[in-house]
C-alpha atoms as a PDB file:
ATOM      1  CA  MET A   1     119.578 108.112 135.556  1.00  0.00           C
ATOM      2  CA  LYS A   2     116.515 108.726 133.295  1.00  0.00           C
ATOM      3  CA  ARG A   3     116.417 106.051 130.572  1.00  0.00           C
ATOM      4  CA  TYR A   4     114.876 107.281 127.020  1.00  0.00           C
ATOM      5  CA  LYS A   5     113.868 105.132 124.232  1.00  0.00           C
ATOM      6  CA  ILE A   6     115.013 107.434 121.346  1.00  0.00           C
ATOM      7  CA  LYS A   7     118.694 107.005 120.671  1.00  0.00           C
ATOM      8  CA  ARG A   8     121.454 108.509 118.388  1.00  0.00           C
ATOM      9  CA  ASN A   9     120.909 107.785 114.884  1.00  0.00           C
ATOM     10  CA  ASP A  10     116.757 107.303 115.339  1.00  0.00           C
ATOM     11  CA  THR A  11     114.670 109.376 112.695  1.00  0.00           C
ATOM     12  CA  VAL A  12     112.606 111.401 114.812  1.00  0.00           C
ATOM     13  CA  LYS A  13     109.424 113.478 113.791  1.00  0.00           C
ATOM     14  CA  VAL A  14     108.931 117.035 115.458  1.00  0.00           C
ATOM     15  CA  ILE A  15     105.592 117.261 117.296  1.00  0.00           C
ATOM     16  CA  ALA A  16     105.320 120.597 118.562  1.00  0.00           C
ATOM     17  CA  GLY A  17     107.311 124.016 118.280  1.00  0.00           C
ATOM     18  CA  LYS A  18     108.092 126.221 115.113  1.00  0.00           C
ATOM     19  CA  ASP A  19     109.670 123.473 113.446  1.00  0.00           C
ATOM     20  CA  LYS A  20     106.368 121.002 113.850  1.00  0.00           C
ATOM     21  CA  GLY A  21     106.161 118.261 111.132  1.00  0.00           C
ATOM     22  CA  LYS A  22     109.745 118.132 110.056  1.00  0.00           C
ATOM     23  CA  THR A  23     111.716 115.011 110.378  1.00  0.00           C
ATOM     24  CA  GLY A  24     115.432 114.414 110.638  1.00  0.00           C
ATOM     25  CA  LYS A  25     118.090 112.234 112.403  1.00  0.00           C
ATOM     26  CA  VAL A  26     119.169 112.230 115.581  1.00  0.00           C
ATOM     27  CA  LEU A  27     122.639 113.830 115.671  1.00  0.00           C
ATOM     28  CA  ARG A  28     123.651 114.569 119.307  1.00  0.00           C
ATOM     29  CA  PHE A  29     121.948 113.720 122.850  1.00  0.00           C
ATOM     30  CA  VAL A  30     121.963 116.037 125.974  1.00  0.00           C
ATOM     31  CA  ALA A  31     121.038 113.878 128.814  1.00  0.00           C
ATOM     32  CA  LYS A  32     121.508 116.364 131.456  1.00  0.00           C
ATOM     33  CA  GLU A  33     118.953 118.573 129.864  1.00  0.00           C
ATOM     34  CA  ASP A  34     116.449 116.204 128.395  1.00  0.00           C
ATOM     35  CA  ARG A  35     117.156 117.341 124.922  1.00  0.00           C
ATOM     36  CA  VAL A  36     118.340 116.309 121.609  1.00  0.00           C
ATOM     37  CA  VAL A  37     119.700 117.677 118.565  1.00  0.00           C
ATOM     38  CA  VAL A  38     117.729 116.806 115.132  1.00  0.00           C
ATOM     39  CA  GLU A  39     119.422 117.360 111.775  1.00  0.00           C
ATOM     40  CA  GLY A  40     117.834 120.150 109.992  1.00  0.00           C
ATOM     41  CA  VAL A  41     115.462 121.190 112.831  1.00  0.00           C
ATOM     42  CA  ASN A  42     115.751 124.528 115.201  1.00  0.00           C
ATOM     43  CA  MET A  43     117.973 126.136 113.245  1.00  0.00           C
ATOM     44  CA  GLY A  44     119.616 129.198 115.055  1.00  0.00           C
ATOM     45  CA  LYS A  45     122.658 131.166 113.881  1.00  0.00           C
ATOM     46  CA  LYS A  46     126.056 131.444 115.519  1.00  0.00           C
ATOM     47  CA  ALA A  47     129.071 133.958 115.015  1.00  0.00           C
ATOM     48  CA  VAL A  48     132.365 132.311 114.257  1.00  0.00           C
ATOM     49  CA  LYS A  49     135.814 133.650 114.251  1.00  0.00           C
ATOM     50  CA  LYS A  50     138.444 133.163 111.951  1.00  0.00           C
ATOM     51  CA  ARG A  51     140.851 130.451 113.556  1.00  0.00           C
ATOM     52  CA  ARG A  52     143.349 130.019 110.923  1.00  0.00           C
ATOM     53  CA  GLN A  53     144.622 131.759 107.573  1.00  0.00           C
ATOM     54  CA  ASN A  54     142.754 129.570 105.347  1.00  0.00           C
ATOM     55  CA  GLU A  55     139.431 129.220 107.150  1.00  0.00           C
ATOM     56  CA  GLN A  56     136.275 131.758 106.835  1.00  0.00           C
ATOM     57  CA  GLY A  57     134.683 133.574 109.769  1.00  0.00           C
ATOM     58  CA  GLY A  58     131.224 134.935 109.660  1.00  0.00           C
ATOM     59  CA  ILE A  59     127.622 133.925 110.587  1.00  0.00           C
ATOM     60  CA  ILE A  60     126.576 130.153 110.183  1.00  0.00           C
ATOM     61  CA  GLU A  61     123.614 128.294 110.957  1.00  0.00           C
ATOM     62  CA  VAL A  62     123.509 125.332 113.436  1.00  0.00           C
ATOM     63  CA  GLU A  63     120.911 123.086 114.577  1.00  0.00           C
ATOM     64  CA  ALA A  64     120.266 123.925 118.725  1.00  0.00           C
ATOM     65  CA  PRO A  65     118.923 121.237 120.934  1.00  0.00           C
ATOM     66  CA  ILE A  66     115.253 120.610 121.126  1.00  0.00           C
ATOM     67  CA  HIS A  67     113.471 119.160 124.239  1.00  0.00           C
ATOM     68  CA  ILE A  68     112.984 115.224 124.080  1.00  0.00           C
ATOM     69  CA  SER A  69     109.278 115.582 124.628  1.00  0.00           C
ATOM     70  CA  ASN A  70     108.758 117.507 121.647  1.00  0.00           C
ATOM     71  CA  VAL A  71     109.835 114.536 119.392  1.00  0.00           C
ATOM     72  CA  SER A  72     108.477 111.169 118.236  1.00  0.00           C
ATOM     73  CA  ALA A  73     110.169 108.329 117.029  1.00  0.00           C
ATOM     74  CA  VAL A  74     109.510 107.225 113.302  1.00  0.00           C
ATOM     75  CA  ASN A  75     109.326 103.885 111.658  1.00  0.00           C
ATOM     76  CA  LYS A  76     110.429 103.034 108.276  1.00  0.00           C
ATOM     77  CA  SER A  77     107.338 103.948 106.739  1.00  0.00           C
ATOM     78  CA  GLY A  78     107.544 107.371 107.737  1.00  0.00           C
ATOM     79  CA  GLU A  79     104.171 107.224 110.624  1.00  0.00           C
ATOM     80  CA  ARG A  80     104.916 108.173 114.284  1.00  0.00           C
ATOM     81  CA  THR A  81     105.162 105.578 116.671  1.00  0.00           C
ATOM     82  CA  LYS A  82     106.327 104.971 120.348  1.00  0.00           C
ATOM     83  CA  VAL A  83     109.327 102.157 121.064  1.00  0.00           C
ATOM     84  CA  GLY A  84     109.013  99.247 122.393  1.00  0.00           C
ATOM     85  CA  TYR A  85     111.651  95.928 123.163  1.00  0.00           C
ATOM     86  CA  SER A  86     111.232  92.306 121.817  1.00  0.00           C
ATOM     87  CA  ARG A  87     113.480  89.465 121.713  1.00  0.00           C
ATOM     88  CA  ASP A  88     114.495  88.143 118.291  1.00  0.00           C
ATOM     89  CA  LYS A  89     115.180  84.392 117.329  1.00  0.00           C
ATOM     90  CA  GLU A  90     118.562  84.540 119.330  1.00  0.00           C
ATOM     91  CA  GLN A  91     116.934  85.883 122.093  1.00  0.00           C
ATOM     92  CA  LYS A  92     118.473  89.233 121.498  1.00  0.00           C
ATOM     93  CA  LYS A  93     116.469  92.528 122.980  1.00  0.00           C
ATOM     94  CA  VAL A  94     115.865  94.562 119.949  1.00  0.00           C
ATOM     95  CA  ARG A  95     113.956  97.936 119.467  1.00  0.00           C
ATOM     96  CA  VAL A  96     110.631  97.414 117.467  1.00  0.00           C
ATOM     97  CA  ALA A  97     108.106 100.056 116.393  1.00  0.00           C
ATOM     98  CA  ARG A  98     104.852  99.545 118.442  1.00  0.00           C
ATOM     99  CA  LYS A  99     102.421 100.598 115.536  1.00  0.00           C
ATOM    100  CA  ASN A 100     103.363  97.309 113.409  1.00  0.00           C
ATOM    101  CA  GLY A 101     106.134  95.237 115.359  1.00  0.00           C
ATOM    102  CA  GLU A 102     108.920  96.055 112.514  1.00  0.00           C
ATOM    103  CA  ALA A 103     112.810  96.592 113.914  1.00  0.00           C
ATOM    104  CA  LEU A 104     113.818 100.207 114.263  1.00  0.00           C
END
């Protein structure tokens, strides 16, 4: 199984494709296809059928998966960075931004 440094709830920036430059939070991870679903990115339309009496059917916009190679992690100041690992004071493994060393 492959290991990825981008996890759920990380803030990422799209670096390629039609939504290049947009940032968002990772909502879901599709490991089999090497894809992530990012909040507000790669929006597509989906037809939804009315299921219950008080529910409304129609066409809604949903986020579609985007390949993980097209996104990059973002540190707290909003710039792109690679993800690394280091040990904190209690010797716990912590994910850090490679650019400035702050914890993600």
